[in-house]
Amino acid sequence: MEKILEEETLLQIVGGVSLSGAIVNAFLSVGKFIFETGQKLGSSFRRISSNQLCPLQ
């Protein structure tokens, strides 16, 4: 049984927003990258300021 909707009814249909796994994974990956970059920069600044660098030979 096929029902054809009127134009007025079609204009009232509202779509929803859904978060897919790929979008959530992309946001988490970006957040993880920013966090790790901050950790590495902080560690580098701390080692430089306390003069605890590995000697180059």
Protein backbone atom coordinates (compact mmCIF):
# COMPACT_ATOMS: atom_id res chain seq x y z
CA MET A 1 0.00 0.00 0.00
CA GLU A 2 1.63 3.19 -1.21
CA LYS A 3 0.67 6.52 0.33
CA ILE A 4 1.49 9.77 -1.47
CA LEU A 5 2.06 12.72 0.86
CA GLU A 6 0.65 16.16 0.19
CA GLU A 7 3.06 19.06 -0.38
CA GLU A 8 2.03 20.71 2.91
CA THR A 9 2.81 17.51 4.80
CA LEU A 10 6.21 17.23 3.13
CA LEU A 11 7.09 20.79 4.20
CA GLN A 12 6.39 19.89 7.85
CA ILE A 13 8.92 17.04 7.95
CA VAL A 14 11.96 17.97 10.02
CA GLY A 15 15.19 15.96 9.86
CA GLY A 16 17.28 15.09 12.86
CA VAL A 17 20.95 15.27 13.65
CA SER A 18 22.84 12.09 14.33
CA LEU A 19 26.44 11.62 15.32
CA SER A 20 28.05 8.78 13.52
CA GLY A 21 30.97 6.83 14.89
CA ALA A 22 33.32 8.31 12.31
CA ILE A 23 32.56 11.88 13.40
CA VAL A 24 33.01 11.06 17.09
CA ASN A 25 36.26 9.24 16.32
CA ALA A 26 37.56 12.22 14.33
CA PHE A 27 36.86 14.64 17.21
CA LEU A 28 38.50 12.32 19.70
CA SER A 29 41.55 11.93 17.47
CA VAL A 30 41.94 15.70 17.18
CA GLY A 31 41.56 16.09 20.94
CA LYS A 32 44.12 13.38 21.60
CA PHE A 33 46.55 15.00 19.15
CA ILE A 34 46.21 18.41 20.84
CA PHE A 35 46.66 16.86 24.31
CA GLU A 36 49.78 14.90 23.30
CA THR A 37 51.29 17.94 21.57
CA GLY A 38 50.78 19.98 24.74
CA GLN A 39 52.42 17.27 26.83
CA LYS A 40 55.46 17.13 24.55
CA LEU A 41 55.84 20.90 24.39
CA GLY A 42 55.51 21.19 28.17
CA SER A 43 58.08 18.49 28.71
CA SER A 44 60.48 20.17 26.27
CA PHE A 45 60.09 23.57 27.96
CA ARG A 46 60.67 22.01 31.38
CA ARG A 47 63.81 20.16 30.24
CA ILE A 48 65.21 23.27 28.54
CA SER A 49 64.53 25.52 31.54
CA SER A 50 66.08 23.06 34.01
CA ASN A 51 69.06 22.41 31.70
CA GLN A 52 68.47 18.65 31.58
CA LEU A 53 69.13 18.09 27.89
CA CYS A 54 70.80 15.04 26.45
CA PRO A 55 74.34 15.88 25.28
CA LEU A 56 74.99 15.72 21.54
CA GLN A 57 78.16 13.86 20.60
